Amino acid sequence: MTNSTITIKDLDDEKFRKLLAPIVFLVITLIIGIPGNLTVLIIYYKKYSKSVYRTIVWNLAVADQIFCTIGIPFNIARIVHYYSFEGEWACVVFVVMLYFLLLYSTHLLVLLSIHRFWNICFPLRQQISLDNVNYWIIACFSISFILSAPHFALSKYEEINVGYNLTGYSCAISQSNPTIYSTAFSYGYLALFILYTVVLICIYLLIGWKLYKQHKRRLEKQITSSTQKAISSKMTKIAFAISMVFAVSYIPLFILQITTKTIEKDDVSTFQFAALRIGERLYVVNHVANPFIYGIFDKRFKKHFKELVTCGLINGETNSRTIESTSAIEIHLEQSKNSVA
């Protein structure tokens, strides 16, 4: 193929082959994430009584489900159309939405961790309650929107000279020539998420120390743990696990956004290039992993999940048998009519 016959589609296809690994990664998370978060929404809505914990977890699942339903397909689309992404408005709107969902789920996680901290370390003080938890959630929503809104002006949509007398249009995670404002915001987000990670680590260190002292005191007094204590411990383990997944999955994104311009792409191997691109999208795991965390640490959730799957299979078999029986009856009636005729 000569230079004069190369098209943008050819360049898209070449980039697609290079980015096949992150595409496969995104497709897998899409297949897992949508039914997983939908399961959380159904079980927590139908099977769990109203509580602060349930309200925060359910809203977190809503954010994760929207991300998996809209955000992951958008990520796949901008890889497939790497140099031919048409529509600056679509790029801007979806990028703002991704940052909003990122921040919203993060603030809900921090709220959940603060709730556990306050409940365990200061049980006699005023707590986040069912009467005021929605105000806290609205505050998380509002702060997240304010922090993500500047991306309306910091467009990720850019015109790229791809050579061969061709011009491409990209909606990339990391711009090839970021503006000073875009770089400043990347550093700002990195600092913010490092702060949140440090806060979460401190919260769970304090919670761990408090639980250790309570456990030691119960052993000394030979007091058995109550059911309420066991439930509280379960909630804390879940909140801690979600926090760790958050830290592991999101920090690489912001580090790579800042350092990617110092990496010579021609000097990295195919494996390293694929690893870098997956690292940029590792944050997707944070919106997919929570159903697995609930399944591991919450026996009640696991039980309801099995019931949900079993009932679905039984209903499917029942419907199938009903259809078969109906068909058999119809055939028999038809044969009877023919005999009479």
C-alpha atoms as a PDB file:
ATOM      1  CA  MET A   1       0.000   0.000   0.000  1.00  0.00           C
ATOM      2  CA  THR A   2       1.465   3.350  -1.068  1.00  0.00           C
ATOM      3  CA  ASN A   3       1.343   6.542   0.976  1.00  0.00           C
ATOM      4  CA  SER A   4      -1.132   8.062  -1.471  1.00  0.00           C
ATOM      5  CA  THR A   5      -3.678   5.276  -0.895  1.00  0.00           C
ATOM      6  CA  ILE A   6      -3.563   5.256   2.924  1.00  0.00           C
ATOM      7  CA  THR A   7      -6.809   6.430   4.519  1.00  0.00           C
ATOM      8  CA  ILE A   8      -7.917   7.349   8.030  1.00  0.00           C
ATOM      9  CA  LYS A   9      -9.717   3.993   8.204  1.00  0.00           C
ATOM     10  CA  ASP A  10      -6.429   2.213   7.502  1.00  0.00           C
ATOM     11  CA  LEU A  11      -4.806   4.114  10.364  1.00  0.00           C
ATOM     12  CA  ASP A  12      -7.782   3.313  12.615  1.00  0.00           C
ATOM     13  CA  ASP A  13      -7.412  -0.378  11.776  1.00  0.00           C
ATOM     14  CA  GLU A  14      -3.686  -0.264  12.540  1.00  0.00           C
ATOM     15  CA  LYS A  15      -4.331   1.437  15.894  1.00  0.00           C
ATOM     16  CA  PHE A  16      -7.110  -1.073  16.609  1.00  0.00           C
ATOM     17  CA  ARG A  17      -4.635  -3.945  16.238  1.00  0.00           C
ATOM     18  CA  LYS A  18      -2.186  -2.205  18.590  1.00  0.00           C
ATOM     19  CA  LEU A  19      -4.919  -1.550  21.144  1.00  0.00           C
ATOM     20  CA  LEU A  20      -6.558  -4.965  20.902  1.00  0.00           C
ATOM     21  CA  ALA A  21      -5.496  -5.867  24.467  1.00  0.00           C
ATOM     22  CA  PRO A  22      -7.244  -2.879  26.140  1.00  0.00           C
ATOM     23  CA  ILE A  23     -10.310  -3.449  23.926  1.00  0.00           C
ATOM     24  CA  VAL A  24     -10.541  -7.063  25.121  1.00  0.00           C
ATOM     25  CA  PHE A  25     -10.064  -5.804  28.698  1.00  0.00           C
ATOM     26  CA  LEU A  26     -12.935  -3.307  28.279  1.00  0.00           C
ATOM     27  CA  VAL A  27     -15.243  -5.880  26.675  1.00  0.00           C
ATOM     28  CA  ILE A  28     -14.643  -8.295  29.569  1.00  0.00           C
ATOM     29  CA  THR A  29     -15.397  -5.591  32.157  1.00  0.00           C
ATOM     30  CA  LEU A  30     -18.526  -4.635  30.186  1.00  0.00           C
ATOM     31  CA  ILE A  31     -19.791  -8.230  30.156  1.00  0.00           C
ATOM     32  CA  ILE A  32     -19.113  -8.597  33.897  1.00  0.00           C
ATOM     33  CA  GLY A  33     -20.051  -5.103  35.063  1.00  0.00           C
ATOM     34  CA  ILE A  34     -23.587  -4.644  33.709  1.00  0.00           C
ATOM     35  CA  PRO A  35     -25.165  -7.843  35.128  1.00  0.00           C
ATOM     36  CA  GLY A  36     -23.041  -7.562  38.288  1.00  0.00           C
ATOM     37  CA  ASN A  37     -24.172  -4.059  39.221  1.00  0.00           C
ATOM     38  CA  LEU A  38     -27.751  -4.841  38.155  1.00  0.00           C
ATOM     39  CA  THR A  39     -27.688  -7.747  40.608  1.00  0.00           C
ATOM     40  CA  VAL A  40     -26.536  -5.414  43.398  1.00  0.00           C
ATOM     41  CA  LEU A  41     -29.335  -2.953  42.580  1.00  0.00           C
ATOM     42  CA  ILE A  42     -31.999  -5.670  42.654  1.00  0.00           C
ATOM     43  CA  ILE A  43     -30.803  -7.444  45.811  1.00  0.00           C
ATOM     44  CA  TYR A  44     -30.116  -4.324  47.885  1.00  0.00           C
ATOM     45  CA  TYR A  45     -33.436  -2.777  46.841  1.00  0.00           C
ATOM     46  CA  LYS A  46     -35.613  -5.840  47.461  1.00  0.00           C
ATOM     47  CA  LYS A  47     -33.842  -7.836  50.168  1.00  0.00           C
ATOM     48  CA  TYR A  48     -32.165  -5.291  52.465  1.00  0.00           C
ATOM     49  CA  SER A  49     -34.046  -3.103  54.917  1.00  0.00           C
ATOM     50  CA  LYS A  50     -33.573   0.651  54.774  1.00  0.00           C
ATOM     51  CA  SER A  51     -30.360   1.854  56.405  1.00  0.00           C
ATOM     52  CA  VAL A  52     -27.599   4.383  55.839  1.00  0.00           C
ATOM     53  CA  TYR A  53     -25.283   1.632  54.605  1.00  0.00           C
ATOM     54  CA  ARG A  54     -27.869   0.289  52.139  1.00  0.00           C
ATOM     55  CA  THR A  55     -28.672   3.786  50.815  1.00  0.00           C
ATOM     56  CA  ILE A  56     -25.025   4.634  50.103  1.00  0.00           C
ATOM     57  CA  VAL A  57     -24.238   1.229  48.567  1.00  0.00           C
ATOM     58  CA  TRP A  58     -27.334   1.392  46.339  1.00  0.00           C
ATOM     59  CA  ASN A  59     -26.418   4.859  45.043  1.00  0.00           C
ATOM     60  CA  LEU A  60     -22.864   3.643  44.460  1.00  0.00           C
ATOM     61  CA  ALA A  61     -24.263   0.758  42.406  1.00  0.00           C
ATOM     62  CA  VAL A  62     -26.381   3.207  40.364  1.00  0.00           C
ATOM     63  CA  ALA A  63     -23.262   5.228  39.492  1.00  0.00           C
ATOM     64  CA  ASP A  64     -21.338   2.055  38.606  1.00  0.00           C
ATOM     65  CA  GLN A  65     -24.192   0.735  36.459  1.00  0.00           C
ATOM     66  CA  ILE A  66     -24.406   3.995  34.477  1.00  0.00           C
ATOM     67  CA  PHE A  67     -20.644   3.911  34.005  1.00  0.00           C
ATOM     68  CA  CYS A  68     -20.716   0.316  32.730  1.00  0.00           C
ATOM     69  CA  THR A  69     -23.728   0.927  30.467  1.00  0.00           C
ATOM     70  CA  ILE A  70     -22.535   4.198  28.903  1.00  0.00           C
ATOM     71  CA  GLY A  71     -18.936   4.851  29.909  1.00  0.00           C
ATOM     72  CA  ILE A  72     -17.342   1.547  28.867  1.00  0.00           C
ATOM     73  CA  PRO A  73     -18.986   1.461  25.386  1.00  0.00           C
ATOM     74  CA  PHE A  74     -17.846   5.070  24.912  1.00  0.00           C
ATOM     75  CA  ASN A  75     -14.288   4.045  25.805  1.00  0.00           C
ATOM     76  CA  ILE A  76     -14.455   1.229  23.256  1.00  0.00           C
ATOM     77  CA  ALA A  77     -15.875   3.575  20.605  1.00  0.00           C
ATOM     78  CA  ARG A  78     -13.089   6.107  20.958  1.00  0.00           C
ATOM     79  CA  ILE A  79     -10.496   3.357  20.507  1.00  0.00           C
ATOM     80  CA  VAL A  80     -12.225   1.905  17.442  1.00  0.00           C
ATOM     81  CA  HIS A  81     -12.471   5.429  15.970  1.00  0.00           C
ATOM     82  CA  TYR A  82      -9.076   6.512  17.262  1.00  0.00           C
ATOM     83  CA  TYR A  83      -8.402   8.953  14.405  1.00  0.00           C
ATOM     84  CA  SER A  84     -11.959   9.336  13.122  1.00  0.00           C
ATOM     85  CA  PHE A  85     -13.954  10.287  16.217  1.00  0.00           C
ATOM     86  CA  GLU A  86     -16.610  12.653  14.890  1.00  0.00           C
ATOM     87  CA  GLY A  87     -18.410  15.069  17.178  1.00  0.00           C
ATOM     88  CA  GLU A  88     -16.566  17.313  19.606  1.00  0.00           C
ATOM     89  CA  TRP A  89     -19.738  17.792  21.635  1.00  0.00           C
ATOM     90  CA  ALA A  90     -20.041  14.010  22.160  1.00  0.00           C
ATOM     91  CA  CYS A  91     -16.417  13.805  23.294  1.00  0.00           C
ATOM     92  CA  VAL A  92     -16.841  16.709  25.723  1.00  0.00           C
ATOM     93  CA  VAL A  93     -20.154  15.498  27.180  1.00  0.00           C
ATOM     94  CA  PHE A  94     -19.008  11.904  27.654  1.00  0.00           C
ATOM     95  CA  VAL A  95     -15.641  12.912  29.149  1.00  0.00           C
ATOM     96  CA  VAL A  96     -17.395  15.218  31.635  1.00  0.00           C
ATOM     97  CA  MET A  97     -19.810  12.398  32.466  1.00  0.00           C
ATOM     98  CA  LEU A  98     -16.923   9.962  33.042  1.00  0.00           C
ATOM     99  CA  TYR A  99     -15.152  12.390  35.370  1.00  0.00           C
ATOM    100  CA  PHE A 100     -18.439  13.081  37.169  1.00  0.00           C
ATOM    101  CA  LEU A 101     -19.135   9.371  37.738  1.00  0.00           C
ATOM    102  CA  LEU A 102     -15.521   8.901  38.814  1.00  0.00           C
ATOM    103  CA  LEU A 103     -15.787  11.691  41.391  1.00  0.00           C
ATOM    104  CA  TYR A 104     -19.329  10.826  42.484  1.00  0.00           C
ATOM    105  CA  SER A 105     -18.490   7.184  43.234  1.00  0.00           C
ATOM    106  CA  THR A 106     -15.327   8.334  45.024  1.00  0.00           C
ATOM    107  CA  HIS A 107     -17.211  10.761  47.257  1.00  0.00           C
ATOM    108  CA  LEU A 108     -19.829   8.100  48.023  1.00  0.00           C
ATOM    109  CA  LEU A 109     -16.994   5.764  49.009  1.00  0.00           C
ATOM    110  CA  VAL A 110     -15.489   8.409  51.287  1.00  0.00           C
ATOM    111  CA  LEU A 111     -18.952   9.017  52.778  1.00  0.00           C
ATOM    112  CA  LEU A 112     -19.391   5.282  53.408  1.00  0.00           C
ATOM    113  CA  SER A 113     -15.970   5.111  55.083  1.00  0.00           C
ATOM    114  CA  ILE A 114     -16.689   8.152  57.267  1.00  0.00           C
ATOM    115  CA  HIS A 115     -20.018   6.570  58.254  1.00  0.00           C
ATOM    116  CA  ARG A 116     -18.257   3.362  59.326  1.00  0.00           C
ATOM    117  CA  PHE A 117     -15.535   5.337  61.148  1.00  0.00           C
ATOM    118  CA  TRP A 118     -18.035   7.491  63.050  1.00  0.00           C
ATOM    119  CA  ASN A 119     -20.247   4.508  63.854  1.00  0.00           C
ATOM    120  CA  ILE A 120     -17.384   2.427  65.283  1.00  0.00           C
ATOM    121  CA  CYS A 121     -15.113   5.025  66.861  1.00  0.00           C
ATOM    122  CA  PHE A 122     -17.762   7.468  68.131  1.00  0.00           C
ATOM    123  CA  PRO A 123     -20.926   5.368  68.586  1.00  0.00           C
ATOM    124  CA  LEU A 124     -22.465   7.708  71.179  1.00  0.00           C
ATOM    125  CA  ARG A 125     -22.173  10.848  69.057  1.00  0.00           C
ATOM    126  CA  GLN A 126     -24.647  12.032  66.444  1.00  0.00           C
ATOM    127  CA  GLN A 127     -24.501   9.726  63.419  1.00  0.00           C
ATOM    128  CA  ILE A 128     -25.363   9.929  59.750  1.00  0.00           C
ATOM    129  CA  SER A 129     -28.973   8.731  59.800  1.00  0.00           C
ATOM    130  CA  LEU A 130     -31.769   7.832  57.395  1.00  0.00           C
ATOM    131  CA  ASP A 131     -33.163  11.310  57.992  1.00  0.00           C
ATOM    132  CA  ASN A 132     -30.062  13.110  56.706  1.00  0.00           C
ATOM    133  CA  VAL A 133     -28.163  10.603  54.531  1.00  0.00           C
ATOM    134  CA  ASN A 134     -29.867  11.874  51.355  1.00  0.00           C
ATOM    135  CA  TYR A 135     -28.530  15.373  52.068  1.00  0.00           C
ATOM    136  CA  TRP A 136     -25.025  13.907  52.271  1.00  0.00           C
ATOM    137  CA  ILE A 137     -25.564  12.100  48.969  1.00  0.00           C
ATOM    138  CA  ILE A 138     -26.818  15.315  47.332  1.00  0.00           C
ATOM    139  CA  ALA A 139     -23.666  17.038  48.633  1.00  0.00           C
ATOM    140  CA  CYS A 140     -21.512  14.288  47.043  1.00  0.00           C
ATOM    141  CA  PHE A 141     -23.422  14.745  43.780  1.00  0.00           C
ATOM    142  CA  SER A 142     -23.039  18.537  43.804  1.00  0.00           C
ATOM    143  CA  ILE A 143     -19.322  18.552  44.660  1.00  0.00           C
ATOM    144  CA  SER A 144     -18.654  15.970  41.944  1.00  0.00           C
ATOM    145  CA  PHE A 145     -20.489  18.025  39.329  1.00  0.00           C
ATOM    146  CA  ILE A 146     -18.623  21.208  40.299  1.00  0.00           C
ATOM    147  CA  LEU A 147     -15.243  19.452  40.081  1.00  0.00           C
ATOM    148  CA  SER A 148     -16.031  17.792  36.735  1.00  0.00           C
ATOM    149  CA  ALA A 149     -17.660  20.847  35.084  1.00  0.00           C
ATOM    150  CA  PRO A 150     -14.322  22.520  34.075  1.00  0.00           C
ATOM    151  CA  HIS A 151     -13.849  19.713  31.550  1.00  0.00           C
ATOM    152  CA  PHE A 152     -16.529  21.385  29.438  1.00  0.00           C
ATOM    153  CA  ALA A 153     -13.798  23.918  28.672  1.00  0.00           C
ATOM    154  CA  LEU A 154     -10.880  21.460  28.753  1.00  0.00           C
ATOM    155  CA  SER A 155     -11.873  19.409  25.735  1.00  0.00           C
ATOM    156  CA  LYS A 156     -10.121  16.081  25.134  1.00  0.00           C
ATOM    157  CA  TYR A 157     -11.098  16.392  21.464  1.00  0.00           C
ATOM    158  CA  GLU A 158      -8.113  17.250  19.327  1.00  0.00           C
ATOM    159  CA  GLU A 159      -7.124  17.551  15.709  1.00  0.00           C
ATOM    160  CA  ILE A 160      -4.093  15.407  14.882  1.00  0.00           C
ATOM    161  CA  ASN A 161      -1.773  15.538  11.910  1.00  0.00           C
ATOM    162  CA  VAL A 162      -1.287  11.828  11.261  1.00  0.00           C
ATOM    163  CA  GLY A 163       0.900  12.293   8.199  1.00  0.00           C
ATOM    164  CA  TYR A 164       0.210  11.184   4.626  1.00  0.00           C
ATOM    165  CA  ASN A 165      -1.529  14.577   4.160  1.00  0.00           C
ATOM    166  CA  LEU A 166      -4.305  13.356   6.453  1.00  0.00           C
ATOM    167  CA  THR A 167      -5.900  14.967   9.493  1.00  0.00           C
ATOM    168  CA  GLY A 168      -7.421  12.850  12.230  1.00  0.00           C
ATOM    169  CA  TYR A 169      -9.788  13.699  15.074  1.00  0.00           C
ATOM    170  CA  SER A 170      -9.300  11.993  18.412  1.00  0.00           C
ATOM    171  CA  CYS A 171     -11.046  11.874  21.781  1.00  0.00           C
ATOM    172  CA  ALA A 172      -8.101  10.579  23.792  1.00  0.00           C
ATOM    173  CA  ILE A 173      -7.591   9.986  27.506  1.00  0.00           C
ATOM    174  CA  SER A 174      -4.132  11.551  27.360  1.00  0.00           C
ATOM    175  CA  GLN A 175      -3.693  14.377  24.857  1.00  0.00           C
ATOM    176  CA  SER A 176      -0.546  14.492  22.744  1.00  0.00           C
ATOM    177  CA  ASN A 177      -0.088  18.214  23.451  1.00  0.00           C
ATOM    178  CA  PRO A 178      -2.026  19.073  26.625  1.00  0.00           C
ATOM    179  CA  THR A 179      -2.593  22.707  27.523  1.00  0.00           C
ATOM    180  CA  ILE A 180      -1.186  24.156  30.721  1.00  0.00           C
ATOM    181  CA  TYR A 181      -4.725  24.184  32.174  1.00  0.00           C
ATOM    182  CA  SER A 182      -5.282  20.533  31.288  1.00  0.00           C
ATOM    183  CA  THR A 183      -1.939  19.612  32.869  1.00  0.00           C
ATOM    184  CA  ALA A 184      -2.786  21.651  35.969  1.00  0.00           C
ATOM    185  CA  PHE A 185      -6.108  19.845  36.337  1.00  0.00           C
ATOM    186  CA  SER A 186      -4.400  16.461  35.913  1.00  0.00           C
ATOM    187  CA  TYR A 187      -2.009  17.336  38.740  1.00  0.00           C
ATOM    188  CA  GLY A 188      -4.944  18.646  40.758  1.00  0.00           C
ATOM    189  CA  TYR A 189      -6.916  15.424  40.329  1.00  0.00           C
ATOM    190  CA  LEU A 190      -3.837  13.362  41.167  1.00  0.00           C
ATOM    191  CA  ALA A 191      -3.335  15.372  44.367  1.00  0.00           C
ATOM    192  CA  LEU A 192      -7.040  15.040  45.215  1.00  0.00           C
ATOM    193  CA  PHE A 193      -7.059  11.278  44.779  1.00  0.00           C
ATOM    194  CA  ILE A 194      -3.821  10.870  46.707  1.00  0.00           C
ATOM    195  CA  LEU A 195      -5.462  12.899  49.494  1.00  0.00           C
ATOM    196  CA  TYR A 196      -8.554  10.678  49.405  1.00  0.00           C
ATOM    197  CA  THR A 197      -6.373   7.561  49.488  1.00  0.00           C
ATOM    198  CA  VAL A 198      -4.426   8.863  52.499  1.00  0.00           C
ATOM    199  CA  VAL A 199      -7.691   9.804  54.250  1.00  0.00           C
ATOM    200  CA  LEU A 200      -9.122   6.325  53.615  1.00  0.00           C
ATOM    201  CA  ILE A 201      -5.937   4.645  54.870  1.00  0.00           C
ATOM    202  CA  CYS A 202      -6.021   6.759  58.060  1.00  0.00           C
ATOM    203  CA  ILE A 203      -9.720   6.028  58.576  1.00  0.00           C
ATOM    204  CA  TYR A 204      -9.253   2.264  58.342  1.00  0.00           C
ATOM    205  CA  LEU A 205      -6.109   2.277  60.477  1.00  0.00           C
ATOM    206  CA  LEU A 206      -8.128   4.001  63.208  1.00  0.00           C
ATOM    207  CA  ILE A 207     -11.056   1.627  62.680  1.00  0.00           C
ATOM    208  CA  GLY A 208      -8.705  -1.368  62.791  1.00  0.00           C
ATOM    209  CA  TRP A 209      -7.117  -0.163  66.019  1.00  0.00           C
ATOM    210  CA  LYS A 210     -10.539   0.427  67.591  1.00  0.00           C
ATOM    211  CA  LEU A 211     -11.807  -3.019  66.557  1.00  0.00           C
ATOM    212  CA  TYR A 212      -8.605  -4.631  67.849  1.00  0.00           C
ATOM    213  CA  LYS A 213      -9.057  -2.998  71.268  1.00  0.00           C
ATOM    214  CA  GLN A 214     -12.722  -4.019  71.375  1.00  0.00           C
ATOM    215  CA  HIS A 215     -11.832  -7.601  70.444  1.00  0.00           C
ATOM    216  CA  LYS A 216      -9.069  -7.718  73.074  1.00  0.00           C
ATOM    217  CA  ARG A 217     -11.441  -6.353  75.713  1.00  0.00           C
ATOM    218  CA  ARG A 218     -14.071  -8.974  74.869  1.00  0.00           C
ATOM    219  CA  LEU A 219     -11.487 -11.765  75.130  1.00  0.00           C
ATOM    220  CA  GLU A 220     -10.344 -10.503  78.531  1.00  0.00           C
ATOM    221  CA  LYS A 221     -13.936 -10.354  79.784  1.00  0.00           C
ATOM    222  CA  GLN A 222     -14.895 -13.558  77.926  1.00  0.00           C
ATOM    223  CA  ILE A 223     -17.753 -11.803  76.149  1.00  0.00           C
ATOM    224  CA  THR A 224     -19.061 -13.388  72.938  1.00  0.00           C
ATOM    225  CA  SER A 225     -19.550 -11.144  69.926  1.00  0.00           C
ATOM    226  CA  SER A 226     -23.147 -10.159  69.262  1.00  0.00           C
ATOM    227  CA  THR A 227     -24.876 -10.439  65.888  1.00  0.00           C
ATOM    228  CA  GLN A 228     -24.884  -6.644  65.628  1.00  0.00           C
ATOM    229  CA  LYS A 229     -21.090  -6.567  66.086  1.00  0.00           C
ATOM    230  CA  ALA A 230     -20.689  -9.209  63.380  1.00  0.00           C
ATOM    231  CA  ILE A 231     -22.831  -7.177  60.948  1.00  0.00           C
ATOM    232  CA  SER A 232     -20.848  -4.033  61.741  1.00  0.00           C
ATOM    233  CA  SER A 233     -17.577  -5.888  61.144  1.00  0.00           C
ATOM    234  CA  LYS A 234     -18.899  -7.219  57.811  1.00  0.00           C
ATOM    235  CA  MET A 235     -19.856  -3.716  56.652  1.00  0.00           C
ATOM    236  CA  THR A 236     -16.426  -2.420  57.633  1.00  0.00           C
ATOM    237  CA  LYS A 237     -14.644  -5.189  55.712  1.00  0.00           C
ATOM    238  CA  ILE A 238     -16.721  -4.410  52.622  1.00  0.00           C
ATOM    239  CA  ALA A 239     -16.046  -0.673  52.853  1.00  0.00           C
ATOM    240  CA  PHE A 240     -12.325  -1.333  53.359  1.00  0.00           C
ATOM    241  CA  ALA A 241     -12.125  -3.705  50.368  1.00  0.00           C
ATOM    242  CA  ILE A 242     -13.927  -1.202  48.114  1.00  0.00           C
ATOM    243  CA  SER A 243     -11.499   1.508  49.254  1.00  0.00           C
ATOM    244  CA  MET A 244      -8.466  -0.628  48.395  1.00  0.00           C
ATOM    245  CA  VAL A 245      -9.832  -1.427  44.926  1.00  0.00           C
ATOM    246  CA  PHE A 246     -10.410   2.297  44.414  1.00  0.00           C
ATOM    247  CA  ALA A 247      -6.824   3.176  45.310  1.00  0.00           C
ATOM    248  CA  VAL A 248      -5.295   0.430  43.159  1.00  0.00           C
ATOM    249  CA  SER A 249      -7.466   1.148  40.104  1.00  0.00           C
ATOM    250  CA  TYR A 250      -7.589   4.947  39.932  1.00  0.00           C
ATOM    251  CA  ILE A 251      -4.172   6.231  40.911  1.00  0.00           C
ATOM    252  CA  PRO A 252      -2.430   4.717  37.814  1.00  0.00           C
ATOM    253  CA  LEU A 253      -4.733   6.724  35.528  1.00  0.00           C
ATOM    254  CA  PHE A 254      -3.612  10.075  36.877  1.00  0.00           C
ATOM    255  CA  ILE A 255       0.046   9.080  37.113  1.00  0.00           C
ATOM    256  CA  LEU A 256       0.005   7.968  33.459  1.00  0.00           C
ATOM    257  CA  GLN A 257      -1.812  11.127  32.372  1.00  0.00           C
ATOM    258  CA  ILE A 258       1.091  13.158  33.743  1.00  0.00           C
ATOM    259  CA  THR A 259       3.993  10.896  32.762  1.00  0.00           C
ATOM    260  CA  THR A 260       2.798   9.624  29.373  1.00  0.00           C
ATOM    261  CA  LYS A 261       4.285  12.583  27.507  1.00  0.00           C
ATOM    262  CA  THR A 262       7.755  11.663  28.812  1.00  0.00           C
ATOM    263  CA  ILE A 263       7.505   8.137  27.353  1.00  0.00           C
ATOM    264  CA  GLU A 264       8.851   7.616  23.849  1.00  0.00           C
ATOM    265  CA  LYS A 265       6.227   5.350  22.291  1.00  0.00           C
ATOM    266  CA  ASP A 266       8.665   4.172  19.617  1.00  0.00           C
ATOM    267  CA  ASP A 267      10.976   2.787  22.315  1.00  0.00           C
ATOM    268  CA  VAL A 268       8.409   0.553  24.049  1.00  0.00           C
ATOM    269  CA  SER A 269       7.580  -3.012  23.053  1.00  0.00           C
ATOM    270  CA  THR A 270       4.119  -4.153  21.963  1.00  0.00           C
ATOM    271  CA  PHE A 271       3.537  -5.700  25.397  1.00  0.00           C
ATOM    272  CA  GLN A 272       4.627  -2.517  27.214  1.00  0.00           C
ATOM    273  CA  PHE A 273       2.441  -0.385  24.946  1.00  0.00           C
ATOM    274  CA  ALA A 274      -0.584  -2.614  25.648  1.00  0.00           C
ATOM    275  CA  ALA A 275       0.169  -2.545  29.403  1.00  0.00           C
ATOM    276  CA  LEU A 276       0.314   1.264  29.374  1.00  0.00           C
ATOM    277  CA  ARG A 277      -3.017   1.496  27.576  1.00  0.00           C
ATOM    278  CA  ILE A 278      -4.649  -0.982  29.956  1.00  0.00           C
ATOM    279  CA  GLY A 279      -3.173   0.992  32.876  1.00  0.00           C
ATOM    280  CA  GLU A 280      -4.891   4.128  31.563  1.00  0.00           C
ATOM    281  CA  ARG A 281      -8.182   2.242  31.699  1.00  0.00           C
ATOM    282  CA  LEU A 282      -7.612   0.276  34.904  1.00  0.00           C
ATOM    283  CA  TYR A 283     -10.017   2.630  36.692  1.00  0.00           C
ATOM    284  CA  VAL A 284     -12.864   0.685  35.040  1.00  0.00           C
ATOM    285  CA  VAL A 285     -12.226  -2.140  37.543  1.00  0.00           C
ATOM    286  CA  ASN A 286     -13.442   0.137  40.339  1.00  0.00           C
ATOM    287  CA  HIS A 287     -16.910   0.186  38.736  1.00  0.00           C
ATOM    288  CA  VAL A 288     -17.032  -3.579  38.196  1.00  0.00           C
ATOM    289  CA  ALA A 289     -15.471  -5.137  41.310  1.00  0.00           C
ATOM    290  CA  ASN A 290     -18.025  -4.235  44.002  1.00  0.00           C
ATOM    291  CA  PRO A 291     -20.476  -7.125  43.331  1.00  0.00           C
ATOM    292  CA  PHE A 292     -17.580  -9.562  43.853  1.00  0.00           C
ATOM    293  CA  ILE A 293     -16.631  -7.813  47.106  1.00  0.00           C
ATOM    294  CA  TYR A 294     -20.203  -8.132  48.408  1.00  0.00           C
ATOM    295  CA  GLY A 295     -20.240 -11.796  47.369  1.00  0.00           C
ATOM    296  CA  ILE A 296     -16.986 -12.513  49.232  1.00  0.00           C
ATOM    297  CA  PHE A 297     -17.690 -10.678  52.506  1.00  0.00           C
ATOM    298  CA  ASP A 298     -21.500 -10.760  52.721  1.00  0.00           C
ATOM    299  CA  LYS A 299     -22.993 -14.251  53.101  1.00  0.00           C
ATOM    300  CA  ARG A 300     -26.487 -12.783  52.966  1.00  0.00           C
ATOM    301  CA  PHE A 301     -25.782 -11.170  49.581  1.00  0.00           C
ATOM    302  CA  LYS A 302     -24.337 -14.447  48.293  1.00  0.00           C
ATOM    303  CA  LYS A 303     -27.445 -16.306  49.472  1.00  0.00           C
ATOM    304  CA  HIS A 304     -29.807 -13.856  47.753  1.00  0.00           C
ATOM    305  CA  PHE A 305     -27.702 -13.997  44.591  1.00  0.00           C
ATOM    306  CA  LYS A 306     -28.034 -17.797  44.473  1.00  0.00           C
ATOM    307  CA  GLU A 307     -31.786 -17.455  45.045  1.00  0.00           C
ATOM    308  CA  LEU A 308     -32.025 -14.883  42.251  1.00  0.00           C
ATOM    309  CA  VAL A 309     -30.157 -17.108  39.793  1.00  0.00           C
ATOM    310  CA  THR A 310     -32.026 -20.262  40.865  1.00  0.00           C
ATOM    311  CA  CYS A 311     -35.442 -18.585  40.605  1.00  0.00           C
ATOM    312  CA  GLY A 312     -34.520 -17.259  37.168  1.00  0.00           C
ATOM    313  CA  LEU A 313     -33.563 -20.735  35.973  1.00  0.00           C
ATOM    314  CA  ILE A 314     -36.665 -22.340  37.496  1.00  0.00           C
ATOM    315  CA  ASN A 315     -38.947 -19.693  35.974  1.00  0.00           C
ATOM    316  CA  GLY A 316     -37.232 -20.175  32.621  1.00  0.00           C
ATOM    317  CA  GLU A 317     -37.757 -23.945  32.771  1.00  0.00           C
ATOM    318  CA  THR A 318     -41.385 -23.477  33.897  1.00  0.00           C
ATOM    319  CA  ASN A 319     -42.114 -21.071  31.042  1.00  0.00           C
ATOM    320  CA  SER A 320     -40.472 -23.467  28.586  1.00  0.00           C
ATOM    321  CA  ARG A 321     -42.580 -26.371  29.841  1.00  0.00           C
ATOM    322  CA  THR A 322     -45.737 -24.229  29.689  1.00  0.00           C
ATOM    323  CA  ILE A 323     -45.010 -23.274  26.084  1.00  0.00           C
ATOM    324  CA  GLU A 324     -44.341 -26.919  25.175  1.00  0.00           C
ATOM    325  CA  SER A 325     -47.576 -28.038  26.874  1.00  0.00           C
ATOM    326  CA  THR A 326     -49.575 -25.302  25.149  1.00  0.00           C
ATOM    327  CA  SER A 327     -48.101 -26.261  21.787  1.00  0.00           C
ATOM    328  CA  ALA A 328     -48.953 -29.925  22.373  1.00  0.00           C
ATOM    329  CA  ILE A 329     -52.560 -29.042  23.267  1.00  0.00           C
ATOM    330  CA  GLU A 330     -52.897 -26.855  20.173  1.00  0.00           C
ATOM    331  CA  ILE A 331     -51.557 -29.658  17.957  1.00  0.00           C
ATOM    332  CA  HIS A 332     -53.960 -32.146  19.554  1.00  0.00           C
ATOM    333  CA  LEU A 333     -56.943 -29.817  19.011  1.00  0.00           C
ATOM    334  CA  GLU A 334     -55.910 -29.225  15.411  1.00  0.00           C
ATOM    335  CA  GLN A 335     -55.689 -32.959  14.812  1.00  0.00           C
ATOM    336  CA  SER A 336     -59.138 -33.436  16.396  1.00  0.00           C
ATOM    337  CA  LYS A 337     -60.647 -30.804  14.106  1.00  0.00           C
ATOM    338  CA  ASN A 338     -59.107 -32.463  11.071  1.00  0.00           C
ATOM    339  CA  SER A 339     -60.505 -35.835  12.160  1.00  0.00           C
ATOM    340  CA  VAL A 340     -64.018 -34.382  12.543  1.00  0.00           C
ATOM    341  CA  ALA A 341     -63.739 -32.677   9.183  1.00  0.00           C
END
